[in-house]
């Protein structure tokens, strides 16, 4: 008899920010502006890297792919969030929710892998400069990027299948900006222990594994920088890594806060704020961080603007 009273969920209702209707239009305009700046910044970075021969190096090769991922990553989330704000809630079918979760996991995982690869690239450039050309060959670059895409695809597939084999029943409201794992697990009924273990294991293979690569790489980089005799040389070497360190700190800091913590005692509002930061704000900031702290990018941008003025 108890089973007959269970209402199984076949669609989900996103209700983030709908508890404050007066905020809907200002937030819609704010997030629309952020999204447009994200597209402009990252597509602009990709165009600069493609157009300027001085940027045809391994570091900018990876940065171009990171910008592409940021465009895809943001596009998988922000348009849906804008619809939620505009319509004061949005209904997603089961398959559409699963698709969004897959795309978010896929692009987010590749972002993590690319940031780890870029840390390794900086390690080779700083600690093994004489071997850099022979290590970072075109074949190696495409191999690393292909590996990142393949690992992201397998991670997203397994996590999505695992997450959506659990049963959802009762309330179908998700007080969040998209179909993410923490709010979805709150809607499960029955035993989901196996699924949660698999999801956590794959999370460990993405976030902590990438962080280990980054931390070890920068440990060796710091040791190498300390051994440089001149202060000017140390500052110049560190400046080539500073932008990447800022991006890594922002991205992984918010991911750790969201996924590798005890969820008890944390409000939905706090989770929403953090999710907005890593899905909308960070993809917008990445090209800005790299352009402001990078002489080659600024020079390429000046060259393009000067060419535009002359024409």
C-alpha atoms as a PDB file:
ATOM      1  CA  UNK A   1       0.000   0.000   0.000  1.00  0.00           C
ATOM      2  CA  UNK A   2       2.852   2.352   0.809  1.00  0.00           C
ATOM      3  CA  UNK A   3       4.326   1.857  -2.663  1.00  0.00           C
ATOM      4  CA  UNK A   4       1.033   2.921  -4.300  1.00  0.00           C
ATOM      5  CA  UNK A   5       1.276   6.331  -2.642  1.00  0.00           C
ATOM      6  CA  UNK A   6       4.723   7.055  -4.053  1.00  0.00           C
ATOM      7  CA  UNK A   7       4.787   9.613  -6.864  1.00  0.00           C
ATOM      8  CA  UNK A   8       7.645   8.820  -9.226  1.00  0.00           C
ATOM      9  CA  UNK A   9       9.369  11.813 -10.792  1.00  0.00           C
ATOM     10  CA  UNK A  10       9.358  12.018 -14.599  1.00  0.00           C
ATOM     11  CA  UNK A  11      10.295  15.693 -14.857  1.00  0.00           C
ATOM     12  CA  UNK A  12      12.076  18.267 -12.741  1.00  0.00           C
ATOM     13  CA  UNK A  13      11.185  21.849 -11.874  1.00  0.00           C
ATOM     14  CA  UNK A  14      14.062  24.310 -11.495  1.00  0.00           C
ATOM     15  CA  UNK A  15      13.017  26.986  -9.004  1.00  0.00           C
ATOM     16  CA  UNK A  16      16.312  28.764  -8.175  1.00  0.00           C
ATOM     17  CA  UNK A  17      15.810  32.439  -7.252  1.00  0.00           C
ATOM     18  CA  UNK A  18      12.019  32.182  -7.730  1.00  0.00           C
ATOM     19  CA  UNK A  19      11.517  32.842  -4.016  1.00  0.00           C
ATOM     20  CA  UNK A  20      12.474  36.472  -4.732  1.00  0.00           C
ATOM     21  CA  UNK A  21      10.485  37.574  -7.829  1.00  0.00           C
ATOM     22  CA  UNK A  22      11.754  41.162  -7.563  1.00  0.00           C
ATOM     23  CA  UNK A  23      15.286  39.875  -8.231  1.00  0.00           C
ATOM     24  CA  UNK A  24      14.342  38.056 -11.445  1.00  0.00           C
ATOM     25  CA  UNK A  25      14.840  40.887 -13.960  1.00  0.00           C
ATOM     26  CA  UNK A  26      18.031  42.362 -12.410  1.00  0.00           C
ATOM     27  CA  UNK A  27      19.588  38.881 -12.146  1.00  0.00           C
ATOM     28  CA  UNK A  28      18.490  38.045 -15.693  1.00  0.00           C
ATOM     29  CA  UNK A  29      20.203  41.176 -17.056  1.00  0.00           C
ATOM     30  CA  UNK A  30      23.308  40.565 -14.916  1.00  0.00           C
ATOM     31  CA  UNK A  31      23.730  36.934 -15.993  1.00  0.00           C
ATOM     32  CA  UNK A  32      22.974  37.808 -19.617  1.00  0.00           C
ATOM     33  CA  UNK A  33      25.749  40.415 -19.512  1.00  0.00           C
ATOM     34  CA  UNK A  34      28.138  37.923 -17.886  1.00  0.00           C
ATOM     35  CA  UNK A  35      27.294  35.306 -20.528  1.00  0.00           C
ATOM     36  CA  UNK A  36      27.862  37.742 -23.399  1.00  0.00           C
ATOM     37  CA  UNK A  37      31.188  38.817 -21.885  1.00  0.00           C
ATOM     38  CA  UNK A  38      32.109  35.131 -21.496  1.00  0.00           C
ATOM     39  CA  UNK A  39      31.434  34.481 -25.174  1.00  0.00           C
ATOM     40  CA  UNK A  40      33.225  37.660 -26.246  1.00  0.00           C
ATOM     41  CA  UNK A  41      36.273  37.040 -24.058  1.00  0.00           C
ATOM     42  CA  UNK A  42      36.783  33.368 -24.802  1.00  0.00           C
ATOM     43  CA  UNK A  43      35.965  33.534 -28.519  1.00  0.00           C
ATOM     44  CA  UNK A  44      38.229  36.577 -28.716  1.00  0.00           C
ATOM     45  CA  UNK A  45      41.040  34.654 -27.004  1.00  0.00           C
ATOM     46  CA  UNK A  46      40.606  31.773 -29.444  1.00  0.00           C
ATOM     47  CA  UNK A  47      40.694  34.186 -32.396  1.00  0.00           C
ATOM     48  CA  UNK A  48      43.849  35.908 -31.099  1.00  0.00           C
ATOM     49  CA  UNK A  49      45.641  32.593 -30.641  1.00  0.00           C
ATOM     50  CA  UNK A  50      44.658  31.516 -34.134  1.00  0.00           C
ATOM     51  CA  UNK A  51      45.579  34.829 -35.803  1.00  0.00           C
ATOM     52  CA  UNK A  52      48.917  35.653 -34.146  1.00  0.00           C
ATOM     53  CA  UNK A  53      51.845  33.413 -35.019  1.00  0.00           C
ATOM     54  CA  UNK A  54      53.664  34.329 -31.797  1.00  0.00           C
ATOM     55  CA  UNK A  55      50.900  32.571 -29.870  1.00  0.00           C
ATOM     56  CA  UNK A  56      51.332  29.278 -31.737  1.00  0.00           C
ATOM     57  CA  UNK A  57      53.052  27.651 -28.763  1.00  0.00           C
ATOM     58  CA  UNK A  58      52.032  24.726 -26.517  1.00  0.00           C
ATOM     59  CA  UNK A  59      50.844  26.997 -23.686  1.00  0.00           C
ATOM     60  CA  UNK A  60      48.467  28.905 -25.961  1.00  0.00           C
ATOM     61  CA  UNK A  61      47.419  25.699 -27.707  1.00  0.00           C
ATOM     62  CA  UNK A  62      46.087  24.452 -24.369  1.00  0.00           C
ATOM     63  CA  UNK A  63      44.692  27.889 -23.525  1.00  0.00           C
ATOM     64  CA  UNK A  64      42.724  27.880 -26.774  1.00  0.00           C
ATOM     65  CA  UNK A  65      41.128  24.566 -25.841  1.00  0.00           C
ATOM     66  CA  UNK A  66      40.428  25.870 -22.332  1.00  0.00           C
ATOM     67  CA  UNK A  67      38.650  28.897 -23.820  1.00  0.00           C
ATOM     68  CA  UNK A  68      36.611  26.609 -26.080  1.00  0.00           C
ATOM     69  CA  UNK A  69      35.636  24.480 -23.089  1.00  0.00           C
ATOM     70  CA  UNK A  70      34.643  27.580 -21.113  1.00  0.00           C
ATOM     71  CA  UNK A  71      32.303  28.633 -23.936  1.00  0.00           C
ATOM     72  CA  UNK A  72      30.715  25.157 -24.030  1.00  0.00           C
ATOM     73  CA  UNK A  73      30.673  24.845 -20.234  1.00  0.00           C
ATOM     74  CA  UNK A  74      28.917  28.176 -19.773  1.00  0.00           C
ATOM     75  CA  UNK A  75      26.523  27.557 -22.691  1.00  0.00           C
ATOM     76  CA  UNK A  76      25.355  24.300 -21.128  1.00  0.00           C
ATOM     77  CA  UNK A  77      24.200  26.152 -17.996  1.00  0.00           C
ATOM     78  CA  UNK A  78      23.554  29.882 -18.442  1.00  0.00           C
ATOM     79  CA  UNK A  79      20.804  29.852 -21.136  1.00  0.00           C
ATOM     80  CA  UNK A  80      18.789  27.464 -18.950  1.00  0.00           C
ATOM     81  CA  UNK A  81      19.372  29.686 -15.922  1.00  0.00           C
ATOM     82  CA  UNK A  82      18.182  32.725 -17.896  1.00  0.00           C
ATOM     83  CA  UNK A  83      15.004  30.837 -18.792  1.00  0.00           C
ATOM     84  CA  UNK A  84      14.410  30.027 -15.109  1.00  0.00           C
ATOM     85  CA  UNK A  85      14.715  33.718 -14.204  1.00  0.00           C
ATOM     86  CA  UNK A  86      12.591  34.919 -17.125  1.00  0.00           C
ATOM     87  CA  UNK A  87       9.797  32.384 -16.635  1.00  0.00           C
ATOM     88  CA  UNK A  88      10.050  32.241 -12.808  1.00  0.00           C
ATOM     89  CA  UNK A  89      10.875  28.558 -12.983  1.00  0.00           C
ATOM     90  CA  UNK A  90      11.454  26.006 -15.728  1.00  0.00           C
ATOM     91  CA  UNK A  91      10.318  22.422 -16.239  1.00  0.00           C
ATOM     92  CA  UNK A  92      12.865  19.923 -17.533  1.00  0.00           C
ATOM     93  CA  UNK A  93      12.063  16.432 -18.735  1.00  0.00           C
ATOM     94  CA  UNK A  94      13.986  13.512 -17.279  1.00  0.00           C
ATOM     95  CA  UNK A  95      16.081  13.133 -20.452  1.00  0.00           C
ATOM     96  CA  UNK A  96      16.756  16.871 -20.732  1.00  0.00           C
ATOM     97  CA  UNK A  97      17.936  17.006 -17.125  1.00  0.00           C
ATOM     98  CA  UNK A  98      20.217  14.012 -17.729  1.00  0.00           C
ATOM     99  CA  UNK A  99      21.593  15.636 -20.885  1.00  0.00           C
ATOM    100  CA  UNK A 100      22.400  18.860 -19.054  1.00  0.00           C
ATOM    101  CA  UNK A 101      24.089  16.924 -16.260  1.00  0.00           C
ATOM    102  CA  UNK A 102      26.132  14.972 -18.828  1.00  0.00           C
ATOM    103  CA  UNK A 103      27.252  18.113 -20.684  1.00  0.00           C
ATOM    104  CA  UNK A 104      28.131  19.948 -17.466  1.00  0.00           C
ATOM    105  CA  UNK A 105      30.170  16.963 -16.224  1.00  0.00           C
ATOM    106  CA  UNK A 106      31.811  16.463 -19.621  1.00  0.00           C
ATOM    107  CA  UNK A 107      32.944  20.075 -20.100  1.00  0.00           C
ATOM    108  CA  UNK A 108      33.787  20.559 -16.410  1.00  0.00           C
ATOM    109  CA  UNK A 109      35.940  17.405 -16.343  1.00  0.00           C
ATOM    110  CA  UNK A 110      37.841  18.479 -19.454  1.00  0.00           C
ATOM    111  CA  UNK A 111      38.451  21.876 -17.836  1.00  0.00           C
ATOM    112  CA  UNK A 112      40.035  20.087 -14.862  1.00  0.00           C
ATOM    113  CA  UNK A 113      42.223  17.915 -17.087  1.00  0.00           C
ATOM    114  CA  UNK A 114      43.322  20.871 -19.225  1.00  0.00           C
ATOM    115  CA  UNK A 115      44.341  22.885 -16.157  1.00  0.00           C
ATOM    116  CA  UNK A 116      46.405  19.895 -14.966  1.00  0.00           C
ATOM    117  CA  UNK A 117      48.015  19.549 -18.415  1.00  0.00           C
ATOM    118  CA  UNK A 118      48.835  23.273 -18.440  1.00  0.00           C
ATOM    119  CA  UNK A 119      50.523  22.885 -15.049  1.00  0.00           C
ATOM    120  CA  UNK A 120      52.638  20.053 -16.479  1.00  0.00           C
ATOM    121  CA  UNK A 121      53.460  22.239 -19.494  1.00  0.00           C
ATOM    122  CA  UNK A 122      54.693  25.000 -17.159  1.00  0.00           C
ATOM    123  CA  UNK A 123      56.750  22.434 -15.221  1.00  0.00           C
ATOM    124  CA  UNK A 124      58.534  21.293 -18.378  1.00  0.00           C
ATOM    125  CA  UNK A 125      59.068  24.905 -19.524  1.00  0.00           C
ATOM    126  CA  UNK A 126      60.567  26.031 -16.191  1.00  0.00           C
ATOM    127  CA  UNK A 127      62.309  22.906 -14.910  1.00  0.00           C
ATOM    128  CA  UNK A 128      63.327  21.220 -18.185  1.00  0.00           C
ATOM    129  CA  UNK A 129      63.721  24.116 -20.641  1.00  0.00           C
ATOM    130  CA  UNK A 130      66.291  22.338 -22.824  1.00  0.00           C
ATOM    131  CA  UNK A 131      63.922  19.396 -23.316  1.00  0.00           C
ATOM    132  CA  UNK A 132      60.781  21.501 -23.824  1.00  0.00           C
ATOM    133  CA  UNK A 133      60.806  21.399 -27.634  1.00  0.00           C
ATOM    134  CA  UNK A 134      61.380  17.648 -27.730  1.00  0.00           C
ATOM    135  CA  UNK A 135      58.790  16.872 -25.022  1.00  0.00           C
ATOM    136  CA  UNK A 136      56.003  19.223 -26.137  1.00  0.00           C
ATOM    137  CA  UNK A 137      55.845  18.140 -29.766  1.00  0.00           C
ATOM    138  CA  UNK A 138      52.712  18.610 -31.864  1.00  0.00           C
ATOM    139  CA  UNK A 139      51.993  14.894 -31.540  1.00  0.00           C
ATOM    140  CA  UNK A 140      52.313  15.103 -27.746  1.00  0.00           C
ATOM    141  CA  UNK A 141      50.037  18.158 -27.594  1.00  0.00           C
ATOM    142  CA  UNK A 142      47.253  16.479 -29.532  1.00  0.00           C
ATOM    143  CA  UNK A 143      47.751  13.295 -27.539  1.00  0.00           C
ATOM    144  CA  UNK A 144      47.322  15.153 -24.231  1.00  0.00           C
ATOM    145  CA  UNK A 145      44.255  17.056 -25.443  1.00  0.00           C
ATOM    146  CA  UNK A 146      42.679  13.926 -26.935  1.00  0.00           C
ATOM    147  CA  UNK A 147      43.307  12.128 -23.661  1.00  0.00           C
ATOM    148  CA  UNK A 148      41.602  14.959 -21.760  1.00  0.00           C
ATOM    149  CA  UNK A 149      38.560  14.793 -24.043  1.00  0.00           C
ATOM    150  CA  UNK A 150      38.401  11.008 -23.824  1.00  0.00           C
ATOM    151  CA  UNK A 151      38.738  10.986 -20.032  1.00  0.00           C
ATOM    152  CA  UNK A 152      36.072  13.683 -19.766  1.00  0.00           C
ATOM    153  CA  UNK A 153      33.715  11.704 -21.973  1.00  0.00           C
ATOM    154  CA  UNK A 154      34.127   8.462 -20.012  1.00  0.00           C
ATOM    155  CA  UNK A 155      33.776  10.251 -16.673  1.00  0.00           C
ATOM    156  CA  UNK A 156      30.635  12.096 -17.793  1.00  0.00           C
ATOM    157  CA  UNK A 157      29.074   8.926 -19.226  1.00  0.00           C
ATOM    158  CA  UNK A 158      29.632   6.808 -16.122  1.00  0.00           C
ATOM    159  CA  UNK A 159      28.562   9.557 -13.681  1.00  0.00           C
ATOM    160  CA  UNK A 160      25.415  10.363 -15.689  1.00  0.00           C
ATOM    161  CA  UNK A 161      24.342   6.731 -16.048  1.00  0.00           C
ATOM    162  CA  UNK A 162      25.041   6.130 -12.378  1.00  0.00           C
ATOM    163  CA  UNK A 163      23.266   9.282 -11.205  1.00  0.00           C
ATOM    164  CA  UNK A 164      20.133   8.617 -13.258  1.00  0.00           C
ATOM    165  CA  UNK A 165      19.731   4.944 -12.397  1.00  0.00           C
ATOM    166  CA  UNK A 166      18.553   5.935  -8.922  1.00  0.00           C
ATOM    167  CA  UNK A 167      14.832   6.394  -8.303  1.00  0.00           C
ATOM    168  CA  UNK A 168      13.420   9.888  -7.871  1.00  0.00           C
ATOM    169  CA  UNK A 169      10.096  10.226  -6.123  1.00  0.00           C
ATOM    170  CA  UNK A 170       7.951  12.729  -4.281  1.00  0.00           C
ATOM    171  CA  UNK A 171       8.974  16.354  -4.670  1.00  0.00           C
ATOM    172  CA  UNK A 172      10.408  17.218  -8.101  1.00  0.00           C
ATOM    173  CA  UNK A 173      11.518  20.775  -7.291  1.00  0.00           C
ATOM    174  CA  UNK A 174      15.234  21.533  -7.642  1.00  0.00           C
ATOM    175  CA  UNK A 175      16.195  24.708  -5.792  1.00  0.00           C
ATOM    176  CA  UNK A 176      19.226  25.156  -8.000  1.00  0.00           C
ATOM    177  CA  UNK A 177      20.279  26.788 -11.282  1.00  0.00           C
ATOM    178  CA  UNK A 178      20.686  23.516 -13.220  1.00  0.00           C
ATOM    179  CA  UNK A 179      20.519  19.726 -12.862  1.00  0.00           C
ATOM    180  CA  UNK A 180      23.547  19.142 -10.673  1.00  0.00           C
ATOM    181  CA  UNK A 181      24.380  16.191  -8.460  1.00  0.00           C
ATOM    182  CA  UNK A 182      23.885  17.575  -4.903  1.00  0.00           C
ATOM    183  CA  UNK A 183      20.286  18.796  -5.460  1.00  0.00           C
ATOM    184  CA  UNK A 184      19.395  15.665  -7.462  1.00  0.00           C
ATOM    185  CA  UNK A 185      20.510  13.357  -4.653  1.00  0.00           C
ATOM    186  CA  UNK A 186      18.079  15.142  -2.328  1.00  0.00           C
ATOM    187  CA  UNK A 187      15.203  13.859  -4.493  1.00  0.00           C
ATOM    188  CA  UNK A 188      16.217  10.192  -4.447  1.00  0.00           C
ATOM    189  CA  UNK A 189      14.236   7.520  -2.692  1.00  0.00           C
ATOM    190  CA  UNK A 190      15.295   4.022  -1.806  1.00  0.00           C
ATOM    191  CA  UNK A 191      18.886   2.842  -1.482  1.00  0.00           C
ATOM    192  CA  UNK A 192      21.290   4.991  -3.519  1.00  0.00           C
ATOM    193  CA  UNK A 193      24.457   4.027  -1.626  1.00  0.00           C
ATOM    194  CA  UNK A 194      26.079   2.167  -4.558  1.00  0.00           C
ATOM    195  CA  UNK A 195      25.413   5.018  -6.963  1.00  0.00           C
ATOM    196  CA  UNK A 196      26.791   7.590  -4.539  1.00  0.00           C
ATOM    197  CA  UNK A 197      29.982   5.546  -4.021  1.00  0.00           C
ATOM    198  CA  UNK A 198      30.568   5.279  -7.790  1.00  0.00           C
ATOM    199  CA  UNK A 199      29.947   9.010  -8.230  1.00  0.00           C
ATOM    200  CA  UNK A 200      32.360   9.870  -5.411  1.00  0.00           C
ATOM    201  CA  UNK A 201      35.036   7.519  -6.785  1.00  0.00           C
ATOM    202  CA  UNK A 202      34.864   9.166 -10.201  1.00  0.00           C
ATOM    203  CA  UNK A 203      34.928  12.599  -8.569  1.00  0.00           C
ATOM    204  CA  UNK A 204      38.151  11.527  -6.844  1.00  0.00           C
ATOM    205  CA  UNK A 205      39.646  10.544 -10.190  1.00  0.00           C
ATOM    206  CA  UNK A 206      38.912  14.007 -11.594  1.00  0.00           C
ATOM    207  CA  UNK A 207      39.305  16.742  -8.958  1.00  0.00           C
ATOM    208  CA  UNK A 208      41.909  15.341  -6.506  1.00  0.00           C
ATOM    209  CA  UNK A 209      43.893  13.552  -9.247  1.00  0.00           C
ATOM    210  CA  UNK A 210      44.195  16.760 -11.264  1.00  0.00           C
ATOM    211  CA  UNK A 211      45.069  18.689  -8.125  1.00  0.00           C
ATOM    212  CA  UNK A 212      47.902  16.270  -7.345  1.00  0.00           C
ATOM    213  CA  UNK A 213      49.379  16.843 -10.824  1.00  0.00           C
ATOM    214  CA  UNK A 214      49.060  20.616 -10.383  1.00  0.00           C
ATOM    215  CA  UNK A 215      50.501  20.693  -6.858  1.00  0.00           C
ATOM    216  CA  UNK A 216      53.458  18.442  -7.711  1.00  0.00           C
ATOM    217  CA  UNK A 217      54.193  20.439 -10.876  1.00  0.00           C
ATOM    218  CA  UNK A 218      54.175  23.743  -9.001  1.00  0.00           C
ATOM    219  CA  UNK A 219      56.225  22.326  -6.154  1.00  0.00           C
ATOM    220  CA  UNK A 220      59.022  21.612  -8.631  1.00  0.00           C
ATOM    221  CA  UNK A 221      58.444  25.004 -10.302  1.00  0.00           C
ATOM    222  CA  UNK A 222      58.766  26.845  -6.977  1.00  0.00           C
ATOM    223  CA  UNK A 223      61.993  24.985  -6.182  1.00  0.00           C
ATOM    224  CA  UNK A 224      63.352  25.895  -9.622  1.00  0.00           C
ATOM    225  CA  UNK A 225      62.359  29.563  -9.210  1.00  0.00           C
ATOM    226  CA  UNK A 226      64.031  29.802  -5.779  1.00  0.00           C
ATOM    227  CA  UNK A 227      67.300  28.569  -7.339  1.00  0.00           C
ATOM    228  CA  UNK A 228      67.336  31.381  -9.920  1.00  0.00           C
ATOM    229  CA  UNK A 229      70.075  33.792  -8.762  1.00  0.00           C
ATOM    230  CA  UNK A 230      68.591  37.121  -9.909  1.00  0.00           C
ATOM    231  CA  UNK A 231      65.421  38.657  -8.499  1.00  0.00           C
ATOM    232  CA  UNK A 232      64.423  39.804 -11.971  1.00  0.00           C
ATOM    233  CA  UNK A 233      64.743  36.276 -13.314  1.00  0.00           C
ATOM    234  CA  UNK A 234      62.653  34.888 -10.490  1.00  0.00           C
ATOM    235  CA  UNK A 235      59.922  37.486 -11.052  1.00  0.00           C
ATOM    236  CA  UNK A 236      59.871  36.896 -14.814  1.00  0.00           C
ATOM    237  CA  UNK A 237      59.655  33.132 -14.422  1.00  0.00           C
ATOM    238  CA  UNK A 238      56.923  33.348 -11.799  1.00  0.00           C
ATOM    239  CA  UNK A 239      54.891  35.776 -13.927  1.00  0.00           C
ATOM    240  CA  UNK A 240      54.565  33.111 -16.639  1.00  0.00           C
ATOM    241  CA  UNK A 241      52.797  30.867 -14.103  1.00  0.00           C
ATOM    242  CA  UNK A 242      50.822  33.463 -12.129  1.00  0.00           C
ATOM    243  CA  UNK A 243      47.773  33.592 -14.432  1.00  0.00           C
ATOM    244  CA  UNK A 244      47.418  29.832 -14.432  1.00  0.00           C
ATOM    245  CA  UNK A 245      47.733  29.706 -10.645  1.00  0.00           C
ATOM    246  CA  UNK A 246      44.932  32.269 -10.228  1.00  0.00           C
ATOM    247  CA  UNK A 247      42.611  30.335 -12.568  1.00  0.00           C
ATOM    248  CA  UNK A 248      43.413  27.030 -10.846  1.00  0.00           C
ATOM    249  CA  UNK A 249      42.770  28.513  -7.382  1.00  0.00           C
ATOM    250  CA  UNK A 250      39.396  29.962  -8.389  1.00  0.00           C
ATOM    251  CA  UNK A 251      38.144  26.917 -10.297  1.00  0.00           C
ATOM    252  CA  UNK A 252      39.289  24.125  -8.009  1.00  0.00           C
ATOM    253  CA  UNK A 253      38.529  26.127  -4.872  1.00  0.00           C
ATOM    254  CA  UNK A 254      34.843  26.362  -5.743  1.00  0.00           C
ATOM    255  CA  UNK A 255      34.663  22.742  -6.962  1.00  0.00           C
ATOM    256  CA  UNK A 256      36.186  21.465  -3.720  1.00  0.00           C
ATOM    257  CA  UNK A 257      33.764  23.572  -1.692  1.00  0.00           C
ATOM    258  CA  UNK A 258      30.828  22.202  -3.680  1.00  0.00           C
ATOM    259  CA  UNK A 259      31.652  18.508  -4.128  1.00  0.00           C
ATOM    260  CA  UNK A 260      34.331  17.401  -1.659  1.00  0.00           C
ATOM    261  CA  UNK A 261      32.761  18.500   1.619  1.00  0.00           C
ATOM    262  CA  UNK A 262      30.208  17.459   4.160  1.00  0.00           C
ATOM    263  CA  UNK A 263      26.846  18.678   2.826  1.00  0.00           C
ATOM    264  CA  UNK A 264      25.221  18.832   6.241  1.00  0.00           C
ATOM    265  CA  UNK A 265      24.583  22.301   7.583  1.00  0.00           C
ATOM    266  CA  UNK A 266      24.876  24.017   4.197  1.00  0.00           C
ATOM    267  CA  UNK A 267      21.906  25.927   2.790  1.00  0.00           C
ATOM    268  CA  UNK A 268      20.595  25.767  -0.771  1.00  0.00           C
ATOM    269  CA  UNK A 269      21.189  29.496  -1.073  1.00  0.00           C
ATOM    270  CA  UNK A 270      24.885  29.040  -0.258  1.00  0.00           C
ATOM    271  CA  UNK A 271      25.152  26.271  -2.842  1.00  0.00           C
ATOM    272  CA  UNK A 272      23.451  28.461  -5.456  1.00  0.00           C
ATOM    273  CA  UNK A 273      25.927  31.291  -4.916  1.00  0.00           C
ATOM    274  CA  UNK A 274      28.908  28.927  -5.251  1.00  0.00           C
ATOM    275  CA  UNK A 275      27.441  27.246  -8.349  1.00  0.00           C
ATOM    276  CA  UNK A 276      26.845  30.615 -10.011  1.00  0.00           C
ATOM    277  CA  UNK A 277      30.494  31.474  -9.398  1.00  0.00           C
ATOM    278  CA  UNK A 278      31.998  28.370 -11.013  1.00  0.00           C
ATOM    279  CA  UNK A 279      29.495  28.095 -13.879  1.00  0.00           C
ATOM    280  CA  UNK A 280      29.178  31.741 -14.937  1.00  0.00           C
ATOM    281  CA  UNK A 281      31.741  34.032 -13.304  1.00  0.00           C
ATOM    282  CA  UNK A 282      34.927  31.952 -13.665  1.00  0.00           C
ATOM    283  CA  UNK A 283      34.479  31.261 -17.431  1.00  0.00           C
ATOM    284  CA  UNK A 284      34.113  35.035 -17.871  1.00  0.00           C
ATOM    285  CA  UNK A 285      37.196  35.813 -15.756  1.00  0.00           C
ATOM    286  CA  UNK A 286      39.573  33.300 -17.361  1.00  0.00           C
ATOM    287  CA  UNK A 287      40.361  35.225 -20.582  1.00  0.00           C
ATOM    288  CA  UNK A 288      40.548  38.457 -18.586  1.00  0.00           C
ATOM    289  CA  UNK A 289      43.074  36.960 -16.156  1.00  0.00           C
ATOM    290  CA  UNK A 290      45.239  35.572 -18.935  1.00  0.00           C
ATOM    291  CA  UNK A 291      45.142  38.774 -21.001  1.00  0.00           C
ATOM    292  CA  UNK A 292      45.870  41.149 -18.103  1.00  0.00           C
ATOM    293  CA  UNK A 293      48.896  39.210 -16.854  1.00  0.00           C
ATOM    294  CA  UNK A 294      50.303  38.092 -20.183  1.00  0.00           C
ATOM    295  CA  UNK A 295      52.524  40.319 -22.317  1.00  0.00           C
ATOM    296  CA  UNK A 296      52.155  38.206 -25.475  1.00  0.00           C
ATOM    297  CA  UNK A 297      48.353  38.298 -25.341  1.00  0.00           C
ATOM    298  CA  UNK A 298      48.298  42.056 -24.718  1.00  0.00           C
ATOM    299  CA  UNK A 299      50.667  42.654 -27.620  1.00  0.00           C
ATOM    300  CA  UNK A 300      48.569  40.464 -29.918  1.00  0.00           C
ATOM    301  CA  UNK A 301      45.440  42.347 -28.853  1.00  0.00           C
ATOM    302  CA  UNK A 302      47.110  45.727 -29.520  1.00  0.00           C
ATOM    303  CA  UNK A 303      48.164  44.480 -32.953  1.00  0.00           C
ATOM    304  CA  UNK A 304      44.601  43.438 -33.813  1.00  0.00           C
ATOM    305  CA  UNK A 305      43.119  46.730 -32.545  1.00  0.00           C
ATOM    306  CA  UNK A 306      45.711  48.751 -34.466  1.00  0.00           C
ATOM    307  CA  UNK A 307      44.954  46.781 -37.622  1.00  0.00           C
ATOM    308  CA  UNK A 308      41.222  47.414 -37.097  1.00  0.00           C
ATOM    309  CA  UNK A 309      41.815  51.171 -36.722  1.00  0.00           C
ATOM    310  CA  UNK A 310      43.894  51.360 -39.889  1.00  0.00           C
ATOM    311  CA  UNK A 311      41.262  49.544 -41.893  1.00  0.00           C
END
